[in-house]
């Protein structure tokens, strides 16, 4: 497991900016490519705002892509074995 992605789950409604959260379900491996769908979703939200992503497994292989694009990532496993990750573009 890649410890760089592991962190405890955030508190619900941690700030007013996070009251309207979105979550992309990228668990299905069918087209469009899950990574491309994730990057498109992150690009469509305001900088600094969270984009939650649900994947079938830890997205450790995608971490270098997120880092290269300046996207911060925090994630943790869920009880059902899937993975939830919070992605944020840097605030302007």
Foldseek 3Di string as FASTA:
>chain_A
DDPLQEDDDDDPCPDVLAVDAEEAELADCDPPHSVVVVVVVQVPDAAPRKYKYKYQADPVVCVVVCVVQQKDKHKDADPVNIIIIIIGHHHD
